[in-house]
Amino acid sequence: MKSVSTKVHEKMHSVVLITLLGTAILLPLLILPLSDNFLLNSKFFIVFIAAFVMFLLWSLYTAAKKTVQLTLSPFFAPVCVLAILSLVSVVLNNTYIVSSLVNYGGLFIALAILFVTGSSLLTQKESKVFVHALILPGLLLSVFTFAELLGWGPSRIFNGLLSTQFPNSPLFSVSGSPLIAAEFLFVLLSLPLP
């Protein structure tokens, strides 16, 4: 019976790592034609689905271990406070709460869920793999940004293939905006590579 539990535990860690790696790699790069706003809504959907999967896995792990495990870090309290304030803001300031929960208010809550559950389920070895894997989207985002500066980038490809109306300018970024791309690359450059 112990070997079955160990195998399930290993499989769960594999799913956790794949979910977090897939989210981190695809989030700055992926654009899906899911709604009228390809750029942002596809990223929202990825975060919401990943947060749901991570919360489900964390709940299963908690039920199997019969104990609540949270990894406390210097970022734990600020992330939780941001999520609580976002939830309070959504509830108090909006007539249509659901529409706000599938927008930026829900995004902050979903990111907090991803942070809390992901940091609690990842081992130290897996977190090193996670940090190394972030190099790939950083490099691709840099190449895409440079291609936009040269006048031949993802905006022209999407406009040609999908008949979209993305602006053909250096200000276009598959991450959502040049500011988001710069923030992502800044965070990536500040990470200590093990």
N, C-alpha and C. Protein backbone atom coordinates (compact mmCIF):
# COMPACT_ATOMS: atom_id res chain seq x y z
N MET A 1 0.82 -1.20 0.00
CA MET A 1 0.00 0.00 0.00
C MET A 1 0.86 1.25 0.00
N LYS A 2 2.01 1.15 0.63
CA LYS A 2 2.89 2.31 0.71
C LYS A 2 3.43 2.68 -0.66
N SER A 3 3.71 1.67 -1.50
CA SER A 3 4.25 1.95 -2.83
C SER A 3 3.21 2.64 -3.72
N VAL A 4 1.93 2.28 -3.56
CA VAL A 4 0.87 2.95 -4.33
C VAL A 4 0.79 4.41 -3.92
N SER A 5 0.86 4.68 -2.63
CA SER A 5 0.83 6.06 -2.13
C SER A 5 2.02 6.85 -2.64
N THR A 6 3.19 6.21 -2.66
CA THR A 6 4.39 6.89 -3.15
C THR A 6 4.26 7.19 -4.64
N LYS A 7 3.72 6.25 -5.41
CA LYS A 7 3.54 6.47 -6.85
C LYS A 7 2.55 7.60 -7.11
N VAL A 8 1.47 7.62 -6.37
CA VAL A 8 0.48 8.69 -6.51
C VAL A 8 1.10 10.03 -6.17
N HIS A 9 1.90 10.06 -5.10
CA HIS A 9 2.57 11.29 -4.67
C HIS A 9 3.52 11.78 -5.76
N GLU A 10 4.28 10.86 -6.37
CA GLU A 10 5.22 11.23 -7.44
C GLU A 10 4.46 11.73 -8.67
N LYS A 11 3.37 11.06 -9.02
CA LYS A 11 2.57 11.50 -10.17
C LYS A 11 1.98 12.89 -9.92
N MET A 12 1.54 13.13 -8.68
CA MET A 12 0.97 14.43 -8.36
C MET A 12 2.03 15.52 -8.50
N HIS A 13 3.24 15.24 -8.04
CA HIS A 13 4.30 16.24 -8.18
C HIS A 13 4.64 16.47 -9.65
N SER A 14 4.55 15.43 -10.46
CA SER A 14 4.78 15.61 -11.90
C SER A 14 3.71 16.50 -12.51
N VAL A 15 2.46 16.28 -12.15
CA VAL A 15 1.36 17.09 -12.69
C VAL A 15 1.50 18.54 -12.21
N VAL A 16 1.88 18.73 -10.94
CA VAL A 16 2.09 20.08 -10.40
C VAL A 16 3.18 20.79 -11.19
N LEU A 17 4.30 20.11 -11.39
CA LEU A 17 5.42 20.72 -12.10
C LEU A 17 5.04 21.03 -13.55
N ILE A 18 4.35 20.11 -14.21
CA ILE A 18 3.95 20.34 -15.60
C ILE A 18 2.95 21.50 -15.69
N THR A 19 2.02 21.56 -14.75
CA THR A 19 1.03 22.65 -14.75
C THR A 19 1.72 24.00 -14.56
N LEU A 20 2.61 24.08 -13.59
CA LEU A 20 3.28 25.35 -13.33
C LEU A 20 4.24 25.73 -14.46
N LEU A 21 4.98 24.74 -14.97
CA LEU A 21 5.90 25.03 -16.08
C LEU A 21 5.13 25.43 -17.33
N GLY A 22 4.06 24.71 -17.62
CA GLY A 22 3.25 25.05 -18.80
C GLY A 22 2.66 26.45 -18.69
N THR A 23 2.19 26.78 -17.50
CA THR A 23 1.62 28.12 -17.29
C THR A 23 2.69 29.18 -17.46
N ALA A 24 3.84 28.97 -16.83
CA ALA A 24 4.91 29.97 -16.88
C ALA A 24 5.47 30.14 -18.29
N ILE A 25 5.56 29.05 -19.03
CA ILE A 25 6.13 29.14 -20.38
C ILE A 25 5.11 29.69 -21.38
N LEU A 26 3.86 29.25 -21.27
CA LEU A 26 2.85 29.66 -22.25
C LEU A 26 2.26 31.04 -21.98
N LEU A 27 2.21 31.44 -20.73
CA LEU A 27 1.52 32.69 -20.38
C LEU A 27 2.04 33.91 -21.12
N PRO A 28 3.34 34.16 -21.16
CA PRO A 28 3.76 35.37 -21.89
C PRO A 28 3.71 35.25 -23.40
N LEU A 29 3.55 34.04 -23.92
CA LEU A 29 3.68 33.84 -25.36
C LEU A 29 2.40 33.47 -26.10
N LEU A 30 1.49 32.77 -25.44
CA LEU A 30 0.35 32.17 -26.12
C LEU A 30 -0.77 33.18 -26.38
N ILE A 31 -1.28 33.14 -27.58
CA ILE A 31 -2.45 33.94 -27.96
C ILE A 31 -3.46 32.98 -28.58
N LEU A 32 -4.63 32.87 -27.94
CA LEU A 32 -5.67 31.97 -28.43
C LEU A 32 -6.89 32.78 -28.88
N PRO A 33 -7.49 32.40 -30.00
CA PRO A 33 -8.69 33.11 -30.46
C PRO A 33 -9.93 32.65 -29.71
N LEU A 34 -9.98 32.94 -28.41
CA LEU A 34 -11.10 32.50 -27.58
C LEU A 34 -12.21 33.53 -27.48
N SER A 35 -11.89 34.77 -27.72
CA SER A 35 -12.89 35.83 -27.61
C SER A 35 -12.46 36.98 -28.51
N ASP A 36 -13.11 38.12 -28.35
CA ASP A 36 -12.76 39.26 -29.18
C ASP A 36 -11.42 39.88 -28.81
N ASN A 37 -10.94 39.66 -27.60
CA ASN A 37 -9.64 40.18 -27.17
C ASN A 37 -8.67 39.01 -27.04
N PHE A 38 -8.02 38.65 -28.17
CA PHE A 38 -7.12 37.51 -28.20
C PHE A 38 -6.02 37.63 -27.16
N LEU A 39 -5.45 38.81 -27.06
CA LEU A 39 -4.24 39.00 -26.29
C LEU A 39 -4.44 38.76 -24.80
N LEU A 40 -5.36 39.47 -24.18
CA LEU A 40 -5.50 39.39 -22.74
C LEU A 40 -6.38 38.25 -22.27
N ASN A 41 -7.49 38.00 -22.94
CA ASN A 41 -8.41 36.97 -22.48
C ASN A 41 -7.80 35.58 -22.52
N SER A 42 -6.95 35.31 -23.51
CA SER A 42 -6.31 33.99 -23.55
C SER A 42 -5.37 33.82 -22.36
N LYS A 43 -4.72 34.88 -21.96
CA LYS A 43 -3.83 34.81 -20.79
C LYS A 43 -4.64 34.66 -19.49
N PHE A 44 -5.78 35.34 -19.42
CA PHE A 44 -6.65 35.18 -18.25
C PHE A 44 -7.12 33.74 -18.13
N PHE A 45 -7.55 33.15 -19.26
CA PHE A 45 -8.05 31.78 -19.23
C PHE A 45 -6.96 30.81 -18.78
N ILE A 46 -5.75 31.00 -19.25
CA ILE A 46 -4.65 30.13 -18.85
C ILE A 46 -4.43 30.20 -17.34
N VAL A 47 -4.42 31.42 -16.80
CA VAL A 47 -4.20 31.59 -15.36
C VAL A 47 -5.35 30.98 -14.57
N PHE A 48 -6.59 31.21 -15.00
CA PHE A 48 -7.74 30.67 -14.27
C PHE A 48 -7.74 29.14 -14.28
N ILE A 49 -7.46 28.54 -15.42
CA ILE A 49 -7.43 27.08 -15.50
C ILE A 49 -6.29 26.52 -14.64
N ALA A 50 -5.12 27.14 -14.73
CA ALA A 50 -3.98 26.67 -13.93
C ALA A 50 -4.26 26.82 -12.44
N ALA A 51 -4.89 27.92 -12.04
CA ALA A 51 -5.21 28.12 -10.62
C ALA A 51 -6.21 27.08 -10.14
N PHE A 52 -7.20 26.76 -10.97
CA PHE A 52 -8.17 25.74 -10.60
C PHE A 52 -7.50 24.38 -10.45
N VAL A 53 -6.64 24.02 -11.40
CA VAL A 53 -5.94 22.73 -11.34
C VAL A 53 -5.04 22.67 -10.12
N MET A 54 -4.31 23.75 -9.86
CA MET A 54 -3.39 23.76 -8.71
C MET A 54 -4.16 23.70 -7.39
N PHE A 55 -5.27 24.40 -7.31
CA PHE A 55 -6.07 24.34 -6.08
C PHE A 55 -6.64 22.93 -5.87
N LEU A 56 -7.07 22.30 -6.96
CA LEU A 56 -7.57 20.94 -6.88
C LEU A 56 -6.47 19.98 -6.42
N LEU A 57 -5.29 20.09 -7.01
CA LEU A 57 -4.17 19.22 -6.62
C LEU A 57 -3.76 19.46 -5.17
N TRP A 58 -3.72 20.72 -4.77
CA TRP A 58 -3.35 21.04 -3.39
C TRP A 58 -4.40 20.49 -2.42
N SER A 59 -5.67 20.57 -2.80
CA SER A 59 -6.74 20.02 -1.95
C SER A 59 -6.61 18.51 -1.82
N LEU A 60 -6.33 17.83 -2.93
CA LEU A 60 -6.13 16.38 -2.88
C LEU A 60 -4.92 16.01 -2.03
N TYR A 61 -3.86 16.76 -2.18
CA TYR A 61 -2.65 16.52 -1.40
C TYR A 61 -2.92 16.74 0.09
N THR A 62 -3.66 17.80 0.40
CA THR A 62 -4.00 18.10 1.79
C THR A 62 -4.89 17.01 2.38
N ALA A 63 -5.85 16.53 1.59
CA ALA A 63 -6.74 15.47 2.07
C ALA A 63 -5.98 14.16 2.27
N ALA A 64 -5.04 13.86 1.37
CA ALA A 64 -4.28 12.62 1.49
C ALA A 64 -3.35 12.66 2.70
N LYS A 65 -2.73 13.79 2.94
CA LYS A 65 -1.81 13.92 4.08
C LYS A 65 -2.52 14.23 5.39
N LYS A 66 -3.78 14.64 5.29
CA LYS A 66 -4.59 15.02 6.46
C LYS A 66 -3.94 16.14 7.27
N THR A 67 -3.30 17.03 6.55
CA THR A 67 -2.71 18.21 7.16
C THR A 67 -2.59 19.31 6.11
N VAL A 68 -2.73 20.55 6.54
CA VAL A 68 -2.60 21.68 5.63
C VAL A 68 -1.15 22.12 5.60
N GLN A 69 -0.57 22.13 4.40
CA GLN A 69 0.82 22.52 4.26
C GLN A 69 0.90 23.81 3.44
N LEU A 70 1.45 24.84 4.04
CA LEU A 70 1.68 26.11 3.36
C LEU A 70 3.14 26.50 3.54
N THR A 71 3.77 26.89 2.46
CA THR A 71 5.15 27.33 2.52
C THR A 71 5.15 28.84 2.73
N LEU A 72 5.69 29.26 3.86
CA LEU A 72 5.74 30.68 4.16
C LEU A 72 7.03 31.27 3.60
N SER A 73 6.89 32.39 2.95
CA SER A 73 8.03 33.10 2.39
C SER A 73 7.79 34.59 2.62
N PRO A 74 8.77 35.42 2.31
CA PRO A 74 8.54 36.87 2.47
C PRO A 74 7.41 37.41 1.60
N PHE A 75 7.05 36.68 0.55
CA PHE A 75 6.01 37.14 -0.36
C PHE A 75 4.63 36.61 0.00
N PHE A 76 4.55 35.67 0.93
CA PHE A 76 3.28 35.02 1.26
C PHE A 76 2.25 36.03 1.75
N ALA A 77 2.59 36.83 2.74
CA ALA A 77 1.63 37.79 3.31
C ALA A 77 1.20 38.84 2.28
N PRO A 78 2.13 39.48 1.55
CA PRO A 78 1.68 40.47 0.56
C PRO A 78 0.79 39.89 -0.53
N VAL A 79 1.09 38.68 -0.98
CA VAL A 79 0.27 38.06 -2.02
C VAL A 79 -1.13 37.78 -1.48
N CYS A 80 -1.21 37.27 -0.26
CA CYS A 80 -2.53 36.98 0.34
C CYS A 80 -3.31 38.28 0.59
N VAL A 81 -2.64 39.32 1.03
CA VAL A 81 -3.31 40.60 1.25
C VAL A 81 -3.83 41.16 -0.07
N LEU A 82 -3.04 41.06 -1.14
CA LEU A 82 -3.49 41.53 -2.46
C LEU A 82 -4.71 40.75 -2.93
N ALA A 83 -4.72 39.44 -2.71
CA ALA A 83 -5.87 38.63 -3.12
C ALA A 83 -7.12 39.00 -2.31
N ILE A 84 -6.96 39.20 -1.02
CA ILE A 84 -8.10 39.56 -0.17
C ILE A 84 -8.63 40.94 -0.55
N LEU A 85 -7.74 41.89 -0.77
CA LEU A 85 -8.17 43.23 -1.17
C LEU A 85 -8.85 43.21 -2.55
N SER A 86 -8.36 42.39 -3.44
CA SER A 86 -9.00 42.26 -4.76
C SER A 86 -10.40 41.70 -4.62
N LEU A 87 -10.56 40.69 -3.79
CA LEU A 87 -11.87 40.09 -3.58
C LEU A 87 -12.83 41.09 -2.94
N VAL A 88 -12.36 41.82 -1.94
CA VAL A 88 -13.20 42.83 -1.28
C VAL A 88 -13.59 43.92 -2.29
N SER A 89 -12.63 44.35 -3.10
CA SER A 89 -12.91 45.38 -4.10
C SER A 89 -13.94 44.90 -5.12
N VAL A 90 -13.80 43.66 -5.57
CA VAL A 90 -14.75 43.12 -6.54
C VAL A 90 -16.16 43.06 -5.94
N VAL A 91 -16.26 42.62 -4.70
CA VAL A 91 -17.57 42.46 -4.06
C VAL A 91 -18.21 43.81 -3.76
N LEU A 92 -17.43 44.77 -3.26
CA LEU A 92 -17.99 46.05 -2.83
C LEU A 92 -18.21 47.06 -3.94
N ASN A 93 -17.42 46.99 -5.00
CA ASN A 93 -17.46 48.04 -6.00
C ASN A 93 -18.16 47.69 -7.30
N ASN A 94 -18.69 46.49 -7.41
CA ASN A 94 -19.26 46.09 -8.69
C ASN A 94 -20.66 45.55 -8.53
N THR A 95 -21.50 45.94 -9.46
CA THR A 95 -22.86 45.41 -9.50
C THR A 95 -22.83 43.99 -10.04
N TYR A 96 -22.01 43.76 -11.05
CA TYR A 96 -21.88 42.45 -11.67
C TYR A 96 -20.57 41.81 -11.21
N ILE A 97 -20.65 41.06 -10.14
CA ILE A 97 -19.45 40.50 -9.50
C ILE A 97 -18.78 39.47 -10.40
N VAL A 98 -19.55 38.66 -11.08
CA VAL A 98 -18.98 37.59 -11.91
C VAL A 98 -18.15 38.17 -13.05
N SER A 99 -18.63 39.24 -13.67
CA SER A 99 -17.86 39.84 -14.76
C SER A 99 -16.55 40.42 -14.27
N SER A 100 -16.50 40.88 -13.04
CA SER A 100 -15.25 41.38 -12.47
C SER A 100 -14.32 40.25 -12.06
N LEU A 101 -14.92 39.11 -11.68
CA LEU A 101 -14.08 37.98 -11.29
C LEU A 101 -13.40 37.32 -12.48
N VAL A 102 -13.92 37.48 -13.68
CA VAL A 102 -13.25 36.95 -14.86
C VAL A 102 -12.40 38.03 -15.53
N ASN A 103 -12.12 39.08 -14.80
CA ASN A 103 -11.27 40.16 -15.29
C ASN A 103 -10.09 40.31 -14.35
N TYR A 104 -9.60 41.50 -14.18
CA TYR A 104 -8.39 41.72 -13.39
C TYR A 104 -8.55 41.34 -11.91
N GLY A 105 -9.74 41.55 -11.34
CA GLY A 105 -9.94 41.17 -9.94
C GLY A 105 -9.74 39.68 -9.73
N GLY A 106 -10.33 38.89 -10.61
CA GLY A 106 -10.16 37.45 -10.54
C GLY A 106 -8.75 37.01 -10.89
N LEU A 107 -8.09 37.77 -11.77
CA LEU A 107 -6.72 37.45 -12.13
C LEU A 107 -5.80 37.52 -10.92
N PHE A 108 -5.93 38.56 -10.12
CA PHE A 108 -5.09 38.68 -8.93
C PHE A 108 -5.36 37.56 -7.93
N ILE A 109 -6.61 37.19 -7.80
CA ILE A 109 -6.97 36.10 -6.90
C ILE A 109 -6.41 34.77 -7.42
N ALA A 110 -6.54 34.54 -8.73
CA ALA A 110 -6.02 33.30 -9.32
C ALA A 110 -4.50 33.23 -9.22
N LEU A 111 -3.83 34.35 -9.44
CA LEU A 111 -2.37 34.36 -9.29
C LEU A 111 -1.95 34.08 -7.86
N ALA A 112 -2.71 34.59 -6.90
CA ALA A 112 -2.41 34.31 -5.49
C ALA A 112 -2.61 32.82 -5.19
N ILE A 113 -3.66 32.24 -5.74
CA ILE A 113 -3.89 30.80 -5.55
C ILE A 113 -2.74 30.00 -6.16
N LEU A 114 -2.31 30.38 -7.36
CA LEU A 114 -1.18 29.72 -7.99
C LEU A 114 0.08 29.83 -7.13
N PHE A 115 0.32 31.01 -6.59
CA PHE A 115 1.52 31.22 -5.78
C PHE A 115 1.49 30.40 -4.50
N VAL A 116 0.39 30.46 -3.78
CA VAL A 116 0.29 29.77 -2.49
C VAL A 116 0.32 28.26 -2.67
N THR A 117 -0.48 27.74 -3.59
CA THR A 117 -0.53 26.29 -3.77
C THR A 117 0.73 25.76 -4.45
N GLY A 118 1.22 26.49 -5.44
CA GLY A 118 2.43 26.05 -6.15
C GLY A 118 3.65 26.02 -5.27
N SER A 119 3.83 27.06 -4.47
CA SER A 119 5.00 27.09 -3.59
C SER A 119 4.90 26.04 -2.49
N SER A 120 3.70 25.64 -2.14
CA SER A 120 3.52 24.62 -1.12
C SER A 120 3.73 23.21 -1.66
N LEU A 121 3.51 23.01 -2.95
CA LEU A 121 3.63 21.68 -3.53
C LEU A 121 4.96 21.40 -4.21
N LEU A 122 5.68 22.44 -4.60
CA LEU A 122 6.96 22.23 -5.27
C LEU A 122 8.06 21.92 -4.26
N THR A 123 8.90 20.99 -4.62
CA THR A 123 10.09 20.74 -3.81
C THR A 123 11.17 21.72 -4.24
N GLN A 124 12.25 21.75 -3.48
CA GLN A 124 13.33 22.68 -3.80
C GLN A 124 13.97 22.33 -5.14
N LYS A 125 14.11 21.05 -5.43
CA LYS A 125 14.68 20.62 -6.70
C LYS A 125 13.78 21.03 -7.86
N GLU A 126 12.48 20.88 -7.68
CA GLU A 126 11.53 21.25 -8.73
C GLU A 126 11.50 22.76 -8.94
N SER A 127 11.69 23.52 -7.89
CA SER A 127 11.70 24.98 -8.05
C SER A 127 12.91 25.43 -8.85
N LYS A 128 14.03 24.70 -8.75
CA LYS A 128 15.20 25.04 -9.56
C LYS A 128 14.92 24.76 -11.04
N VAL A 129 14.23 23.66 -11.32
CA VAL A 129 13.83 23.35 -12.70
C VAL A 129 12.89 24.44 -13.22
N PHE A 130 11.99 24.90 -12.36
CA PHE A 130 11.05 25.95 -12.72
C PHE A 130 11.78 27.24 -13.10
N VAL A 131 12.78 27.62 -12.31
CA VAL A 131 13.54 28.84 -12.59
C VAL A 131 14.29 28.70 -13.91
N HIS A 132 14.89 27.54 -14.16
CA HIS A 132 15.59 27.33 -15.42
C HIS A 132 14.64 27.35 -16.62
N ALA A 133 13.44 26.84 -16.44
CA ALA A 133 12.48 26.79 -17.55
C ALA A 133 11.99 28.17 -17.95
N LEU A 134 12.06 29.13 -17.06
CA LEU A 134 11.61 30.49 -17.39
C LEU A 134 12.53 31.17 -18.40
N ILE A 135 13.70 30.62 -18.63
CA ILE A 135 14.63 31.20 -19.60
C ILE A 135 14.05 31.11 -21.01
N LEU A 136 13.37 30.01 -21.33
CA LEU A 136 12.80 29.82 -22.67
C LEU A 136 11.80 30.90 -23.05
N PRO A 137 10.76 31.16 -22.24
CA PRO A 137 9.84 32.24 -22.66
C PRO A 137 10.52 33.61 -22.66
N GLY A 138 11.50 33.80 -21.79
CA GLY A 138 12.23 35.07 -21.80
C GLY A 138 12.98 35.28 -23.10
N LEU A 139 13.64 34.23 -23.58
CA LEU A 139 14.36 34.33 -24.85
C LEU A 139 13.40 34.53 -26.02
N LEU A 140 12.32 33.76 -26.04
CA LEU A 140 11.35 33.91 -27.13
C LEU A 140 10.69 35.28 -27.12
N LEU A 141 10.37 35.78 -25.94
CA LEU A 141 9.77 37.11 -25.84
C LEU A 141 10.74 38.17 -26.33
N SER A 142 12.02 38.02 -26.02
CA SER A 142 13.03 38.96 -26.49
C SER A 142 13.15 38.91 -28.01
N VAL A 143 13.15 37.70 -28.58
CA VAL A 143 13.24 37.55 -30.03
C VAL A 143 12.02 38.16 -30.71
N PHE A 144 10.82 37.90 -30.16
CA PHE A 144 9.60 38.46 -30.73
C PHE A 144 9.61 39.99 -30.67
N THR A 145 10.08 40.53 -29.55
CA THR A 145 10.15 41.99 -29.41
C THR A 145 11.12 42.59 -30.41
N PHE A 146 12.27 41.95 -30.57
CA PHE A 146 13.26 42.43 -31.53
C PHE A 146 12.72 42.33 -32.96
N ALA A 147 11.99 41.25 -33.26
CA ALA A 147 11.39 41.11 -34.59
C ALA A 147 10.36 42.20 -34.85
N GLU A 148 9.60 42.58 -33.82
CA GLU A 148 8.64 43.69 -33.98
C GLU A 148 9.38 44.99 -34.26
N LEU A 149 10.51 45.20 -33.62
CA LEU A 149 11.29 46.42 -33.86
C LEU A 149 11.80 46.48 -35.30
N LEU A 150 12.10 45.31 -35.88
CA LEU A 150 12.57 45.25 -37.26
C LEU A 150 11.43 45.33 -38.28
N GLY A 151 10.18 45.26 -37.79
CA GLY A 151 9.04 45.37 -38.68
C GLY A 151 8.49 44.03 -39.15
N TRP A 152 9.04 42.94 -38.67
CA TRP A 152 8.52 41.63 -39.04
C TRP A 152 8.44 40.78 -37.78
N GLY A 153 7.27 40.79 -37.18
CA GLY A 153 7.11 40.07 -35.94
C GLY A 153 5.80 39.34 -35.86
N PRO A 154 5.42 38.94 -34.67
CA PRO A 154 4.19 38.17 -34.49
C PRO A 154 2.93 38.90 -34.94
N SER A 155 2.92 40.23 -34.87
CA SER A 155 1.71 40.95 -35.27
C SER A 155 1.42 40.74 -36.76
N ARG A 156 2.45 40.78 -37.59
CA ARG A 156 2.25 40.55 -39.03
C ARG A 156 1.83 39.11 -39.30
N ILE A 157 2.39 38.17 -38.55
CA ILE A 157 2.04 36.76 -38.75
C ILE A 157 0.59 36.52 -38.36
N PHE A 158 0.17 37.04 -37.19
CA PHE A 158 -1.22 36.87 -36.76
C PHE A 158 -2.18 37.58 -37.69
N ASN A 159 -1.83 38.77 -38.13
CA ASN A 159 -2.71 39.49 -39.05
C ASN A 159 -2.86 38.75 -40.38
N GLY A 160 -1.79 38.11 -40.84
CA GLY A 160 -1.86 37.37 -42.10
C GLY A 160 -2.60 36.06 -41.98
N LEU A 161 -2.36 35.32 -40.90
CA LEU A 161 -2.96 34.00 -40.75
C LEU A 161 -4.39 34.05 -40.23
N LEU A 162 -4.65 34.90 -39.26
CA LEU A 162 -5.96 34.91 -38.59
C LEU A 162 -6.82 36.11 -38.96
N SER A 163 -6.34 36.97 -39.84
CA SER A 163 -7.06 38.18 -40.23
C SER A 163 -7.42 39.03 -39.02
N THR A 164 -6.49 39.15 -38.10
CA THR A 164 -6.69 40.01 -36.92
C THR A 164 -6.29 41.43 -37.27
N GLN A 165 -6.49 42.32 -36.34
CA GLN A 165 -6.16 43.72 -36.54
C GLN A 165 -5.11 44.19 -35.52
N PHE A 166 -4.12 43.35 -35.23
CA PHE A 166 -3.06 43.77 -34.31
C PHE A 166 -2.26 44.88 -34.97
N PRO A 167 -1.85 45.87 -34.18
CA PRO A 167 -1.07 46.96 -34.77
C PRO A 167 0.31 46.48 -35.20
N ASN A 168 0.73 46.89 -36.41
CA ASN A 168 2.07 46.57 -36.89
C ASN A 168 3.01 47.67 -36.43
N SER A 169 3.38 47.63 -35.16
CA SER A 169 4.25 48.65 -34.62
C SER A 169 5.18 48.02 -33.60
N PRO A 170 6.26 48.71 -33.28
CA PRO A 170 7.18 48.19 -32.27
C PRO A 170 6.55 48.10 -30.88
N LEU A 171 5.39 48.72 -30.69
CA LEU A 171 4.74 48.69 -29.39
C LEU A 171 3.90 47.43 -29.17
N PHE A 172 3.76 46.59 -30.21
CA PHE A 172 3.03 45.34 -30.05
C PHE A 172 3.92 44.32 -29.35
N SER A 173 3.31 43.58 -28.43
CA SER A 173 4.03 42.50 -27.75
C SER A 173 3.05 41.36 -27.50
N VAL A 174 3.52 40.13 -27.70
CA VAL A 174 2.66 38.97 -27.45
C VAL A 174 2.36 38.81 -25.97
N SER A 175 3.10 39.48 -25.12
CA SER A 175 2.85 39.41 -23.68
C SER A 175 1.66 40.27 -23.27
N GLY A 176 1.23 41.16 -24.12
CA GLY A 176 0.11 42.05 -23.81
C GLY A 176 0.47 43.50 -23.99
N SER A 177 1.68 43.86 -23.62
CA SER A 177 2.19 45.21 -23.82
C SER A 177 3.70 45.20 -23.63
N PRO A 178 4.39 46.19 -24.16
CA PRO A 178 5.84 46.25 -23.95
C PRO A 178 6.21 46.38 -22.47
N LEU A 179 5.35 47.03 -21.68
CA LEU A 179 5.62 47.16 -20.25
C LEU A 179 5.58 45.80 -19.56
N ILE A 180 4.60 44.96 -19.90
CA ILE A 180 4.52 43.63 -19.31
C ILE A 180 5.72 42.80 -19.73
N ALA A 181 6.12 42.92 -21.00
CA ALA A 181 7.31 42.20 -21.47
C ALA A 181 8.55 42.65 -20.71
N ALA A 182 8.69 43.96 -20.51
CA ALA A 182 9.85 44.48 -19.78
C ALA A 182 9.84 44.01 -18.32
N GLU A 183 8.65 44.00 -17.71
CA GLU A 183 8.56 43.52 -16.32
C GLU A 183 8.93 42.05 -16.22
N PHE A 184 8.42 41.24 -17.16
CA PHE A 184 8.73 39.81 -17.15
C PHE A 184 10.23 39.60 -17.31
N LEU A 185 10.85 40.30 -18.26
CA LEU A 185 12.28 40.14 -18.49
C LEU A 185 13.10 40.67 -17.32
N PHE A 186 12.64 41.74 -16.67
CA PHE A 186 13.34 42.26 -15.50
C PHE A 186 13.31 41.26 -14.36
N VAL A 187 12.14 40.68 -14.12
CA VAL A 187 12.02 39.67 -13.06
C VAL A 187 12.90 38.47 -13.40
N LEU A 188 12.91 38.07 -14.66
CA LEU A 188 13.72 36.94 -15.09
C LEU A 188 15.22 37.21 -14.89
N LEU A 189 15.64 38.43 -15.20
CA LEU A 189 17.05 38.77 -15.03
C LEU A 189 17.44 38.88 -13.55
N SER A 190 16.47 39.18 -12.70
CA SER A 190 16.79 39.32 -11.28
C SER A 190 16.75 38.01 -10.52
N LEU A 191 16.26 36.92 -11.18
CA LEU A 191 16.19 35.63 -10.49
C LEU A 191 17.59 35.05 -10.35
N PRO A 192 17.87 34.51 -9.18
CA PRO A 192 19.18 33.84 -9.02
C PRO A 192 19.14 32.48 -9.70
N LEU A 193 19.99 32.30 -10.67
CA LEU A 193 20.02 31.01 -11.36
C LEU A 193 20.86 30.03 -10.54
N PRO A 194 20.28 28.90 -10.16
CA PRO A 194 21.02 27.93 -9.35
C PRO A 194 22.10 27.21 -10.13
